[in-house]
Amino acid sequence: MEKPKIIEPEQIEYLASIRKEPDSLIIEMEAFALENKIPILDWKSAELLEQIVIMTNPKTVLEIGTAIAYSTIRIAKVLRKKGIVDTIEKSLDNISLASGYIKRAKLKKKINLIQGDALEVLPSLQNKYDLIFLDADKEDYEKLFYYSLMLLKKNGIMFIDNLLWHGYVAFSKVPTAFENSTRIIRQFNKIFTEQTALKTTIIPIGDGIGIGVKV
């Protein structure tokens, strides 16, 4: 079965051709993630996230799913002087990689790297957040979403990755390997878009970005 497309390859190639990324560390991290098959936020989605951070000037940011700290670093780079990112990652290998990249980016003062299972960490957090970025295990999305909603300030923004799930959410026939995860994302999208505490939208960029503003 041919993999569905969220946007056409020609459009992706065009956007890549006009992309200007001045930070060599960001380019290095993208290459490392691709080579080692570590899932990170698509660069186009990361640029959207940066724009949101710049426009809204959050003082407190929570990231659920650090991976190698690619998106963490991109957020922290554009935060104002006193902004802080709390980021949660359960993989010790990823924590080690993330720590190294954060040090190289000279952003240790802006990033609080938390090792642990987000389902266990979130109930213990005392902060409230202006922006929450969710990009963790899909089977945990629903629980993580409800925890996050309690931690999100009024007028705060929820930014969620993978809501079009390689495009499979729109197809009646899905490869066997993706059937369960696609079902989970479809169910989550219904919960997300019907959540009355948020004004929500899903944008067809990257792997599908959900944005919700707490009202």
N, C-alpha and C. Protein backbone atom coordinates (compact mmCIF):
# COMPACT_ATOMS: atom_id res chain seq x y z
N MET A 1 0.84 -1.20 0.00
CA MET A 1 0.00 0.00 0.00
C MET A 1 0.88 1.25 0.00
N GLU A 2 0.57 2.17 -0.90
CA GLU A 2 1.32 3.42 -0.98
C GLU A 2 1.03 4.28 0.25
N LYS A 3 2.10 4.83 0.82
CA LYS A 3 1.94 5.67 2.00
C LYS A 3 1.22 6.96 1.61
N PRO A 4 0.18 7.36 2.32
CA PRO A 4 -0.53 8.59 1.98
C PRO A 4 0.33 9.82 2.19
N LYS A 5 -0.07 10.91 1.54
CA LYS A 5 0.70 12.14 1.62
C LYS A 5 -0.11 13.20 2.35
N ILE A 6 0.54 13.95 3.22
CA ILE A 6 -0.12 15.08 3.87
C ILE A 6 0.00 16.31 2.97
N ILE A 7 1.21 16.55 2.46
CA ILE A 7 1.39 17.49 1.36
C ILE A 7 2.23 16.78 0.31
N GLU A 8 2.18 17.25 -0.93
CA GLU A 8 2.86 16.58 -2.03
C GLU A 8 4.38 16.70 -1.90
N PRO A 9 5.11 15.66 -2.32
CA PRO A 9 6.58 15.70 -2.24
C PRO A 9 7.19 16.91 -2.94
N GLU A 10 6.58 17.33 -4.05
CA GLU A 10 7.11 18.49 -4.78
C GLU A 10 7.03 19.75 -3.93
N GLN A 11 5.97 19.86 -3.14
CA GLN A 11 5.83 21.03 -2.27
C GLN A 11 6.86 20.99 -1.14
N ILE A 12 7.09 19.78 -0.60
CA ILE A 12 8.09 19.63 0.45
C ILE A 12 9.47 19.98 -0.08
N GLU A 13 9.78 19.50 -1.29
CA GLU A 13 11.08 19.80 -1.90
C GLU A 13 11.25 21.29 -2.14
N TYR A 14 10.18 21.95 -2.58
CA TYR A 14 10.25 23.39 -2.80
C TYR A 14 10.52 24.13 -1.49
N LEU A 15 9.78 23.78 -0.45
CA LEU A 15 9.98 24.43 0.85
C LEU A 15 11.40 24.21 1.36
N ALA A 16 11.91 23.00 1.17
CA ALA A 16 13.28 22.70 1.59
C ALA A 16 14.29 23.53 0.81
N SER A 17 13.98 23.78 -0.47
CA SER A 17 14.93 24.51 -1.32
C SER A 17 15.06 25.97 -0.93
N ILE A 18 14.03 26.54 -0.31
CA ILE A 18 14.10 27.95 0.09
C ILE A 18 14.34 28.12 1.59
N ARG A 19 14.51 27.01 2.27
CA ARG A 19 14.75 27.06 3.71
C ARG A 19 16.12 27.66 4.01
N LYS A 20 16.16 28.54 5.00
CA LYS A 20 17.42 29.13 5.44
C LYS A 20 17.57 28.88 6.94
N GLU A 21 18.34 27.86 7.30
CA GLU A 21 18.57 27.53 8.71
C GLU A 21 20.02 27.86 9.05
N PRO A 22 20.24 28.96 9.80
CA PRO A 22 21.60 29.41 10.07
C PRO A 22 22.33 28.61 11.15
N ASP A 23 21.61 27.83 11.94
CA ASP A 23 22.22 27.13 13.07
C ASP A 23 22.71 25.75 12.64
N SER A 24 24.02 25.59 12.60
CA SER A 24 24.61 24.32 12.15
C SER A 24 24.29 23.18 13.11
N LEU A 25 24.09 23.48 14.39
CA LEU A 25 23.75 22.44 15.36
C LEU A 25 22.38 21.84 15.04
N ILE A 26 21.44 22.69 14.66
CA ILE A 26 20.10 22.22 14.30
C ILE A 26 20.18 21.28 13.10
N ILE A 27 20.94 21.66 12.09
CA ILE A 27 21.11 20.82 10.91
C ILE A 27 21.78 19.50 11.28
N GLU A 28 22.77 19.56 12.16
CA GLU A 28 23.46 18.35 12.62
C GLU A 28 22.49 17.42 13.35
N MET A 29 21.65 17.98 14.20
CA MET A 29 20.69 17.17 14.96
C MET A 29 19.67 16.51 14.04
N GLU A 30 19.23 17.23 13.03
CA GLU A 30 18.29 16.65 12.06
C GLU A 30 18.92 15.45 11.35
N ALA A 31 20.17 15.61 10.95
CA ALA A 31 20.88 14.53 10.25
C ALA A 31 21.09 13.33 11.18
N PHE A 32 21.44 13.60 12.43
CA PHE A 32 21.66 12.53 13.41
C PHE A 32 20.36 11.75 13.65
N ALA A 33 19.26 12.48 13.83
CA ALA A 33 17.97 11.83 14.08
C ALA A 33 17.55 10.97 12.89
N LEU A 34 17.76 11.49 11.68
CA LEU A 34 17.42 10.74 10.48
C LEU A 34 18.25 9.47 10.35
N GLU A 35 19.56 9.61 10.56
CA GLU A 35 20.47 8.47 10.43
C GLU A 35 20.18 7.39 11.47
N ASN A 36 19.82 7.82 12.68
CA ASN A 36 19.61 6.88 13.78
C ASN A 36 18.14 6.55 14.02
N LYS A 37 17.28 7.01 13.12
CA LYS A 37 15.84 6.72 13.17
C LYS A 37 15.22 7.12 14.51
N ILE A 38 15.62 8.30 14.98
CA ILE A 38 15.04 8.87 16.20
C ILE A 38 13.97 9.88 15.78
N PRO A 39 12.72 9.67 16.16
CA PRO A 39 11.67 10.60 15.74
C PRO A 39 11.80 11.96 16.43
N ILE A 40 11.86 13.00 15.63
CA ILE A 40 11.86 14.38 16.14
C ILE A 40 10.80 15.17 15.38
N LEU A 41 10.52 16.36 15.86
CA LEU A 41 9.53 17.22 15.21
C LEU A 41 10.02 17.60 13.81
N ASP A 42 9.12 17.49 12.83
CA ASP A 42 9.43 17.91 11.47
C ASP A 42 9.88 19.37 11.47
N TRP A 43 10.87 19.70 10.63
CA TRP A 43 11.44 21.05 10.69
C TRP A 43 10.42 22.14 10.38
N LYS A 44 9.45 21.84 9.50
CA LYS A 44 8.43 22.84 9.19
C LYS A 44 7.53 23.08 10.40
N SER A 45 7.20 22.02 11.11
CA SER A 45 6.42 22.15 12.34
C SER A 45 7.22 22.88 13.42
N ALA A 46 8.52 22.62 13.45
CA ALA A 46 9.39 23.29 14.42
C ALA A 46 9.44 24.79 14.16
N GLU A 47 9.45 25.17 12.89
CA GLU A 47 9.44 26.60 12.57
C GLU A 47 8.12 27.24 12.99
N LEU A 48 7.02 26.53 12.82
CA LEU A 48 5.72 27.03 13.29
C LEU A 48 5.74 27.19 14.80
N LEU A 49 6.29 26.22 15.51
CA LEU A 49 6.38 26.29 16.96
C LEU A 49 7.21 27.49 17.39
N GLU A 50 8.32 27.72 16.71
CA GLU A 50 9.15 28.89 17.02
C GLU A 50 8.36 30.18 16.84
N GLN A 51 7.59 30.27 15.75
CA GLN A 51 6.80 31.48 15.51
C GLN A 51 5.79 31.71 16.63
N ILE A 52 5.16 30.64 17.09
CA ILE A 52 4.19 30.75 18.19
C ILE A 52 4.88 31.24 19.46
N VAL A 53 6.06 30.70 19.75
CA VAL A 53 6.81 31.14 20.93
C VAL A 53 7.16 32.62 20.83
N ILE A 54 7.61 33.05 19.67
CA ILE A 54 7.97 34.46 19.48
C ILE A 54 6.75 35.36 19.63
N MET A 55 5.62 34.94 19.06
CA MET A 55 4.41 35.77 19.10
C MET A 55 3.79 35.86 20.49
N THR A 56 3.84 34.76 21.25
CA THR A 56 3.13 34.71 22.52
C THR A 56 4.01 34.98 23.73
N ASN A 57 5.32 34.91 23.55
CA ASN A 57 6.27 35.22 24.63
C ASN A 57 5.97 34.46 25.92
N PRO A 58 5.92 33.13 25.88
CA PRO A 58 5.64 32.36 27.10
C PRO A 58 6.80 32.44 28.09
N LYS A 59 6.46 32.49 29.36
CA LYS A 59 7.49 32.48 30.40
C LYS A 59 7.78 31.05 30.86
N THR A 60 6.76 30.20 30.79
CA THR A 60 6.92 28.80 31.20
C THR A 60 6.44 27.89 30.08
N VAL A 61 7.30 26.95 29.70
CA VAL A 61 6.98 26.00 28.63
C VAL A 61 7.20 24.59 29.16
N LEU A 62 6.28 23.69 28.84
CA LEU A 62 6.44 22.28 29.18
C LEU A 62 6.48 21.47 27.89
N GLU A 63 7.51 20.63 27.78
CA GLU A 63 7.61 19.72 26.64
C GLU A 63 7.52 18.29 27.16
N ILE A 64 6.63 17.51 26.57
CA ILE A 64 6.45 16.11 26.98
C ILE A 64 6.99 15.24 25.85
N GLY A 65 8.20 14.73 26.03
CA GLY A 65 8.88 13.96 25.00
C GLY A 65 10.05 14.74 24.43
N THR A 66 11.19 14.66 25.12
CA THR A 66 12.37 15.44 24.74
C THR A 66 13.08 14.87 23.52
N ALA A 67 13.16 13.53 23.46
CA ALA A 67 14.01 12.83 22.48
C ALA A 67 15.44 13.35 22.62
N ILE A 68 16.02 13.91 21.56
CA ILE A 68 17.40 14.40 21.64
C ILE A 68 17.47 15.90 21.91
N ALA A 69 16.33 16.51 22.26
CA ALA A 69 16.23 17.94 22.59
C ALA A 69 16.25 18.84 21.36
N TYR A 70 15.87 18.31 20.22
CA TYR A 70 15.80 19.12 19.00
C TYR A 70 14.79 20.25 19.15
N SER A 71 13.55 19.91 19.44
CA SER A 71 12.53 20.95 19.61
C SER A 71 12.76 21.75 20.88
N THR A 72 13.30 21.12 21.90
CA THR A 72 13.62 21.81 23.16
C THR A 72 14.54 22.99 22.89
N ILE A 73 15.59 22.72 22.15
CA ILE A 73 16.58 23.76 21.83
C ILE A 73 15.96 24.84 20.95
N ARG A 74 15.14 24.44 19.99
CA ARG A 74 14.52 25.43 19.11
C ARG A 74 13.58 26.34 19.89
N ILE A 75 12.86 25.79 20.88
CA ILE A 75 12.01 26.61 21.73
C ILE A 75 12.86 27.55 22.58
N ALA A 76 13.85 27.00 23.27
CA ALA A 76 14.66 27.78 24.20
C ALA A 76 15.42 28.91 23.51
N LYS A 77 15.84 28.69 22.27
CA LYS A 77 16.58 29.71 21.53
C LYS A 77 15.78 30.99 21.33
N VAL A 78 14.45 30.86 21.18
CA VAL A 78 13.64 32.03 20.88
C VAL A 78 12.84 32.53 22.09
N LEU A 79 13.03 31.88 23.24
CA LEU A 79 12.40 32.37 24.47
C LEU A 79 13.03 33.69 24.89
N ARG A 80 12.22 34.53 25.54
CA ARG A 80 12.77 35.75 26.11
C ARG A 80 13.70 35.40 27.27
N LYS A 81 14.38 36.38 27.79
CA LYS A 81 15.48 36.18 28.74
C LYS A 81 15.11 35.30 29.93
N LYS A 82 13.93 35.49 30.52
CA LYS A 82 13.58 34.76 31.74
C LYS A 82 12.71 33.53 31.47
N GLY A 83 12.54 33.16 30.22
CA GLY A 83 11.73 31.99 29.90
C GLY A 83 12.42 30.69 30.26
N ILE A 84 11.62 29.69 30.67
CA ILE A 84 12.15 28.38 31.08
C ILE A 84 11.37 27.27 30.38
N VAL A 85 12.09 26.23 29.95
CA VAL A 85 11.47 25.03 29.39
C VAL A 85 11.69 23.86 30.33
N ASP A 86 10.62 23.27 30.83
CA ASP A 86 10.68 21.98 31.53
C ASP A 86 10.40 20.91 30.48
N THR A 87 11.29 19.93 30.35
CA THR A 87 11.11 18.91 29.33
C THR A 87 11.30 17.52 29.92
N ILE A 88 10.40 16.61 29.58
CA ILE A 88 10.36 15.28 30.20
C ILE A 88 10.73 14.20 29.18
N GLU A 89 11.63 13.31 29.58
CA GLU A 89 12.05 12.20 28.71
C GLU A 89 12.32 10.97 29.56
N LYS A 90 11.78 9.82 29.17
CA LYS A 90 11.98 8.62 29.98
C LYS A 90 13.18 7.78 29.56
N SER A 91 13.65 7.93 28.32
CA SER A 91 14.78 7.14 27.84
C SER A 91 16.10 7.70 28.35
N LEU A 92 16.87 6.88 29.07
CA LEU A 92 18.16 7.33 29.57
C LEU A 92 19.13 7.62 28.43
N ASP A 93 19.05 6.84 27.36
CA ASP A 93 19.91 7.10 26.20
C ASP A 93 19.61 8.46 25.60
N ASN A 94 18.32 8.77 25.46
CA ASN A 94 17.94 10.08 24.92
C ASN A 94 18.32 11.21 25.87
N ILE A 95 18.19 10.98 27.16
CA ILE A 95 18.58 11.99 28.15
C ILE A 95 20.05 12.35 27.97
N SER A 96 20.89 11.34 27.79
CA SER A 96 22.32 11.56 27.60
C SER A 96 22.59 12.37 26.34
N LEU A 97 21.94 12.00 25.25
CA LEU A 97 22.11 12.74 24.00
C LEU A 97 21.59 14.16 24.13
N ALA A 98 20.41 14.31 24.73
CA ALA A 98 19.80 15.63 24.90
C ALA A 98 20.68 16.54 25.74
N SER A 99 21.21 16.00 26.82
CA SER A 99 22.07 16.79 27.70
C SER A 99 23.29 17.32 26.96
N GLY A 100 23.87 16.48 26.12
CA GLY A 100 25.03 16.90 25.35
C GLY A 100 24.70 18.01 24.37
N TYR A 101 23.59 17.87 23.69
CA TYR A 101 23.19 18.90 22.72
C TYR A 101 22.82 20.21 23.41
N ILE A 102 22.14 20.12 24.55
CA ILE A 102 21.77 21.33 25.30
C ILE A 102 23.02 22.07 25.76
N LYS A 103 24.01 21.33 26.21
CA LYS A 103 25.28 21.94 26.63
C LYS A 103 25.95 22.63 25.46
N ARG A 104 25.98 21.96 24.31
CA ARG A 104 26.60 22.55 23.12
C ARG A 104 25.86 23.80 22.66
N ALA A 105 24.55 23.81 22.85
CA ALA A 105 23.74 24.97 22.46
C ALA A 105 23.85 26.12 23.46
N LYS A 106 24.49 25.87 24.60
CA LYS A 106 24.66 26.87 25.66
C LYS A 106 23.31 27.36 26.18
N LEU A 107 22.42 26.39 26.43
CA LEU A 107 21.07 26.73 26.88
C LEU A 107 20.69 26.04 28.18
N LYS A 108 21.69 25.59 28.94
CA LYS A 108 21.41 24.86 30.18
C LYS A 108 20.61 25.70 31.18
N LYS A 109 20.79 27.02 31.18
CA LYS A 109 20.08 27.87 32.12
C LYS A 109 18.60 28.03 31.77
N LYS A 110 18.24 27.72 30.54
CA LYS A 110 16.85 27.88 30.10
C LYS A 110 16.08 26.57 30.06
N ILE A 111 16.79 25.44 30.22
CA ILE A 111 16.17 24.13 30.04
C ILE A 111 16.33 23.28 31.28
N ASN A 112 15.21 22.79 31.79
CA ASN A 112 15.19 21.87 32.93
C ASN A 112 14.85 20.49 32.40
N LEU A 113 15.86 19.62 32.29
CA LEU A 113 15.70 18.28 31.72
C LEU A 113 15.29 17.30 32.81
N ILE A 114 14.11 16.71 32.67
CA ILE A 114 13.55 15.82 33.69
C ILE A 114 13.50 14.39 33.15
N GLN A 115 14.18 13.47 33.84
CA GLN A 115 14.15 12.07 33.42
C GLN A 115 13.01 11.35 34.15
N GLY A 116 12.16 10.67 33.38
CA GLY A 116 11.07 9.93 34.00
C GLY A 116 9.93 9.70 33.04
N ASP A 117 8.99 8.87 33.47
CA ASP A 117 7.77 8.62 32.71
C ASP A 117 6.83 9.81 32.91
N ALA A 118 6.41 10.43 31.82
CA ALA A 118 5.58 11.63 31.93
C ALA A 118 4.30 11.39 32.72
N LEU A 119 3.74 10.18 32.64
CA LEU A 119 2.53 9.87 33.40
C LEU A 119 2.76 9.92 34.90
N GLU A 120 4.00 9.71 35.31
CA GLU A 120 4.35 9.80 36.73
C GLU A 120 4.85 11.19 37.10
N VAL A 121 5.51 11.86 36.16
CA VAL A 121 6.08 13.18 36.44
C VAL A 121 5.02 14.27 36.48
N LEU A 122 4.09 14.25 35.53
CA LEU A 122 3.12 15.34 35.41
C LEU A 122 2.33 15.61 36.68
N PRO A 123 1.83 14.59 37.39
CA PRO A 123 1.06 14.87 38.61
C PRO A 123 1.89 15.56 39.70
N SER A 124 3.20 15.47 39.61
CA SER A 124 4.06 16.05 40.65
C SER A 124 4.49 17.48 40.34
N LEU A 125 4.20 17.96 39.13
CA LEU A 125 4.66 19.30 38.75
C LEU A 125 3.84 20.37 39.46
N GLN A 126 4.52 21.41 39.91
CA GLN A 126 3.87 22.50 40.63
C GLN A 126 3.60 23.71 39.75
N ASN A 127 4.35 23.83 38.66
CA ASN A 127 4.19 24.98 37.77
C ASN A 127 2.91 24.91 36.97
N LYS A 128 2.46 26.09 36.53
CA LYS A 128 1.45 26.19 35.48
C LYS A 128 2.18 26.74 34.25
N TYR A 129 1.69 26.38 33.07
CA TYR A 129 2.46 26.66 31.86
C TYR A 129 1.69 27.50 30.84
N ASP A 130 2.45 28.37 30.17
CA ASP A 130 1.89 29.20 29.10
C ASP A 130 1.80 28.43 27.79
N LEU A 131 2.70 27.46 27.62
CA LEU A 131 2.75 26.66 26.40
C LEU A 131 3.13 25.23 26.75
N ILE A 132 2.38 24.27 26.22
CA ILE A 132 2.69 22.86 26.43
C ILE A 132 2.79 22.17 25.08
N PHE A 133 3.91 21.49 24.86
CA PHE A 133 4.15 20.75 23.62
C PHE A 133 4.12 19.26 23.92
N LEU A 134 3.19 18.55 23.31
CA LEU A 134 3.03 17.12 23.53
C LEU A 134 3.50 16.33 22.31
N ASP A 135 4.50 15.48 22.52
CA ASP A 135 5.05 14.65 21.44
C ASP A 135 5.64 13.39 22.07
N ALA A 136 4.78 12.54 22.59
CA ALA A 136 5.22 11.37 23.36
C ALA A 136 4.59 10.11 22.77
N ASP A 137 4.59 9.01 23.55
CA ASP A 137 4.01 7.76 23.09
C ASP A 137 2.52 7.95 22.79
N LYS A 138 2.10 7.55 21.61
CA LYS A 138 0.74 7.83 21.16
C LYS A 138 -0.32 7.14 22.02
N GLU A 139 0.00 5.95 22.53
CA GLU A 139 -0.98 5.24 23.36
C GLU A 139 -1.24 5.98 24.67
N ASP A 140 -0.36 6.91 25.03
CA ASP A 140 -0.53 7.69 26.26
C ASP A 140 -1.11 9.08 26.01
N TYR A 141 -1.36 9.42 24.76
CA TYR A 141 -1.77 10.79 24.43
C TYR A 141 -2.99 11.25 25.23
N GLU A 142 -4.00 10.41 25.34
CA GLU A 142 -5.23 10.85 26.01
C GLU A 142 -4.96 11.21 27.47
N LYS A 143 -4.28 10.34 28.21
CA LYS A 143 -3.98 10.62 29.61
C LYS A 143 -3.06 11.83 29.75
N LEU A 144 -2.04 11.90 28.89
CA LEU A 144 -1.10 13.02 28.94
C LEU A 144 -1.81 14.33 28.62
N PHE A 145 -2.76 14.28 27.71
CA PHE A 145 -3.52 15.47 27.34
C PHE A 145 -4.31 16.01 28.52
N TYR A 146 -5.01 15.14 29.23
CA TYR A 146 -5.81 15.59 30.37
C TYR A 146 -4.94 16.13 31.50
N TYR A 147 -3.81 15.49 31.76
CA TYR A 147 -2.87 16.03 32.74
C TYR A 147 -2.38 17.41 32.31
N SER A 148 -2.04 17.52 31.03
CA SER A 148 -1.52 18.78 30.50
C SER A 148 -2.54 19.90 30.60
N LEU A 149 -3.79 19.56 30.33
CA LEU A 149 -4.85 20.56 30.37
C LEU A 149 -4.96 21.19 31.76
N MET A 150 -4.75 20.39 32.79
CA MET A 150 -4.79 20.92 34.16
C MET A 150 -3.61 21.84 34.45
N LEU A 151 -2.49 21.62 33.75
CA LEU A 151 -1.28 22.42 33.97
C LEU A 151 -1.21 23.65 33.08
N LEU A 152 -2.12 23.76 32.13
CA LEU A 152 -2.09 24.86 31.17
C LEU A 152 -2.83 26.08 31.72
N LYS A 153 -2.17 27.23 31.65
CA LYS A 153 -2.79 28.48 32.11
C LYS A 153 -3.92 28.90 31.17
N LYS A 154 -4.82 29.73 31.67
CA LYS A 154 -5.85 30.33 30.82
C LYS A 154 -5.17 31.13 29.72
N ASN A 155 -5.65 31.00 28.51
CA ASN A 155 -5.06 31.59 27.30
C ASN A 155 -3.75 30.93 26.89
N GLY A 156 -3.37 29.87 27.60
CA GLY A 156 -2.18 29.12 27.22
C GLY A 156 -2.43 28.29 25.97
N ILE A 157 -1.33 27.84 25.36
CA ILE A 157 -1.41 27.13 24.09
C ILE A 157 -0.94 25.69 24.24
N MET A 158 -1.71 24.76 23.69
CA MET A 158 -1.33 23.36 23.57
C MET A 158 -0.90 23.12 22.12
N PHE A 159 0.27 22.51 21.95
CA PHE A 159 0.82 22.23 20.62
C PHE A 159 1.12 20.74 20.57
N ILE A 160 0.45 20.00 19.68
CA ILE A 160 0.51 18.54 19.70
C ILE A 160 0.90 18.00 18.32
N ASP A 161 1.89 17.11 18.30
CA ASP A 161 2.39 16.56 17.04
C ASP A 161 1.70 15.24 16.68
N ASN A 162 1.78 14.89 15.41
CA ASN A 162 1.39 13.57 14.86
C ASN A 162 -0.12 13.33 14.76
N LEU A 163 -0.91 14.38 14.64
CA LEU A 163 -2.36 14.17 14.65
C LEU A 163 -2.93 13.76 13.29
N LEU A 164 -2.11 13.77 12.24
CA LEU A 164 -2.53 13.18 10.97
C LEU A 164 -1.85 11.84 10.73
N TRP A 165 -0.89 11.51 11.58
CA TRP A 165 -0.28 10.18 11.66
C TRP A 165 0.06 9.61 10.28
N HIS A 166 1.02 10.26 9.62
CA HIS A 166 1.48 9.84 8.28
C HIS A 166 0.36 9.91 7.24
N GLY A 167 -0.72 10.56 7.57
CA GLY A 167 -1.87 10.64 6.67
C GLY A 167 -2.86 9.51 6.83
N TYR A 168 -2.55 8.51 7.64
CA TYR A 168 -3.38 7.31 7.74
C TYR A 168 -4.74 7.57 8.37
N VAL A 169 -4.87 8.62 9.19
CA VAL A 169 -6.16 8.87 9.86
C VAL A 169 -7.30 9.10 8.87
N ALA A 170 -6.96 9.52 7.65
CA ALA A 170 -7.99 9.83 6.66
C ALA A 170 -8.33 8.65 5.74
N PHE A 171 -7.64 7.51 5.93
CA PHE A 171 -7.81 6.38 5.02
C PHE A 171 -8.60 5.24 5.66
N SER A 172 -9.42 4.58 4.84
CA SER A 172 -10.20 3.44 5.34
C SER A 172 -9.34 2.19 5.46
N LYS A 173 -8.33 2.06 4.58
CA LYS A 173 -7.41 0.93 4.64
C LYS A 173 -6.05 1.41 5.12
N VAL A 174 -5.57 0.76 6.17
CA VAL A 174 -4.31 1.15 6.82
C VAL A 174 -3.44 -0.10 6.94
N PRO A 175 -2.12 0.02 6.71
CA PRO A 175 -1.25 -1.15 6.90
C PRO A 175 -1.41 -1.74 8.30
N THR A 176 -1.33 -3.04 8.40
CA THR A 176 -1.54 -3.73 9.67
C THR A 176 -0.69 -3.16 10.79
N ALA A 177 0.55 -2.82 10.49
CA ALA A 177 1.46 -2.30 11.51
C ALA A 177 1.00 -0.97 12.09
N PHE A 178 0.13 -0.25 11.36
CA PHE A 178 -0.32 1.07 11.80
C PHE A 178 -1.78 1.08 12.25
N GLU A 179 -2.44 -0.06 12.22
CA GLU A 179 -3.88 -0.09 12.53
C GLU A 179 -4.17 0.40 13.94
N ASN A 180 -3.47 -0.11 14.93
CA ASN A 180 -3.76 0.26 16.32
C ASN A 180 -3.41 1.71 16.60
N SER A 181 -2.23 2.15 16.15
CA SER A 181 -1.81 3.53 16.40
C SER A 181 -2.73 4.52 15.68
N THR A 182 -3.18 4.15 14.49
CA THR A 182 -4.11 5.02 13.75
C THR A 182 -5.44 5.13 14.49
N ARG A 183 -5.93 4.01 15.00
CA ARG A 183 -7.17 4.02 15.78
C ARG A 183 -7.02 4.92 17.00
N ILE A 184 -5.87 4.85 17.68
CA ILE A 184 -5.63 5.67 18.87
C ILE A 184 -5.63 7.16 18.51
N ILE A 185 -4.96 7.51 17.41
CA ILE A 185 -4.90 8.92 17.02
C ILE A 185 -6.27 9.43 16.58
N ARG A 186 -7.02 8.63 15.85
CA ARG A 186 -8.39 9.04 15.48
C ARG A 186 -9.24 9.31 16.72
N GLN A 187 -9.14 8.42 17.69
CA GLN A 187 -9.90 8.59 18.93
C GLN A 187 -9.43 9.84 19.67
N PHE A 188 -8.12 10.06 19.69
CA PHE A 188 -7.60 11.24 20.37
C PHE A 188 -8.06 12.52 19.67
N ASN A 189 -8.03 12.53 18.34
CA ASN A 189 -8.43 13.73 17.60
C ASN A 189 -9.87 14.13 17.92
N LYS A 190 -10.71 13.15 18.10
CA LYS A 190 -12.11 13.43 18.47
C LYS A 190 -12.17 14.07 19.86
N ILE A 191 -11.40 13.53 20.80
CA ILE A 191 -11.34 14.09 22.15
C ILE A 191 -10.79 15.52 22.11
N PHE A 192 -9.72 15.71 21.34
CA PHE A 192 -9.06 17.01 21.25
C PHE A 192 -9.98 18.07 20.65
N THR A 193 -10.58 17.76 19.52
CA THR A 193 -11.40 18.76 18.83
C THR A 193 -12.72 19.05 19.53
N GLU A 194 -13.17 18.12 20.37
CA GLU A 194 -14.42 18.33 21.10
C GLU A 194 -14.21 18.87 22.51
N GLN A 195 -12.95 19.14 22.87
CA GLN A 195 -12.64 19.63 24.21
C GLN A 195 -13.11 21.08 24.35
N THR A 196 -14.10 21.31 25.21
CA THR A 196 -14.70 22.64 25.34
C THR A 196 -13.79 23.64 26.04
N ALA A 197 -12.78 23.16 26.75
CA ALA A 197 -11.86 24.07 27.43
C ALA A 197 -10.85 24.70 26.48
N LEU A 198 -10.82 24.21 25.24
CA LEU A 198 -9.86 24.70 24.25
C LEU A 198 -10.56 25.16 22.98
N LYS A 199 -9.98 26.16 22.33
CA LYS A 199 -10.32 26.49 20.94
C LYS A 199 -9.28 25.79 20.09
N THR A 200 -9.69 24.79 19.30
CA THR A 200 -8.73 23.89 18.66
C THR A 200 -8.76 23.96 17.13
N THR A 201 -7.63 23.55 16.56
CA THR A 201 -7.53 23.34 15.12
C THR A 201 -6.44 22.31 14.87
N ILE A 202 -6.52 21.62 13.73
CA ILE A 202 -5.46 20.70 13.31
C ILE A 202 -4.95 21.19 11.96
N ILE A 203 -3.65 21.41 11.89
CA ILE A 203 -3.03 21.99 10.70
C ILE A 203 -2.26 20.92 9.93
N PRO A 204 -2.49 20.81 8.60
CA PRO A 204 -1.79 19.80 7.81
C PRO A 204 -0.36 20.22 7.45
N ILE A 205 0.48 20.24 8.45
CA ILE A 205 1.89 20.56 8.28
C ILE A 205 2.68 19.48 9.01
N GLY A 206 3.83 19.09 8.47
CA GLY A 206 4.61 18.02 9.09
C GLY A 206 3.78 16.75 9.15
N ASP A 207 3.60 16.21 10.35
CA ASP A 207 2.78 15.01 10.53
C ASP A 207 1.41 15.36 11.11
N GLY A 208 1.03 16.63 10.97
CA GLY A 208 -0.26 17.08 11.49
C GLY A 208 -0.11 17.67 12.88
N ILE A 209 -0.32 18.98 13.00
CA ILE A 209 -0.14 19.68 14.27
C ILE A 209 -1.49 20.13 14.82
N GLY A 210 -1.76 19.75 16.06
CA GLY A 210 -2.93 20.24 16.76
C GLY A 210 -2.56 21.44 17.61
N ILE A 211 -3.35 22.50 17.50
CA ILE A 211 -3.13 23.69 18.32
C ILE A 211 -4.43 23.99 19.06
N GLY A 212 -4.32 24.16 20.38
CA GLY A 212 -5.48 24.49 21.19
C GLY A 212 -5.16 25.63 22.14
N VAL A 213 -6.04 26.61 22.20
CA VAL A 213 -5.89 27.74 23.12
C VAL A 213 -6.90 27.57 24.25
N LYS A 214 -6.44 27.62 25.48
CA LYS A 214 -7.33 27.43 26.63
C LYS A 214 -8.18 28.67 26.83
N VAL A 215 -9.48 28.48 26.81
CA VAL A 215 -10.40 29.62 26.89
C VAL A 215 -11.08 29.69 28.25
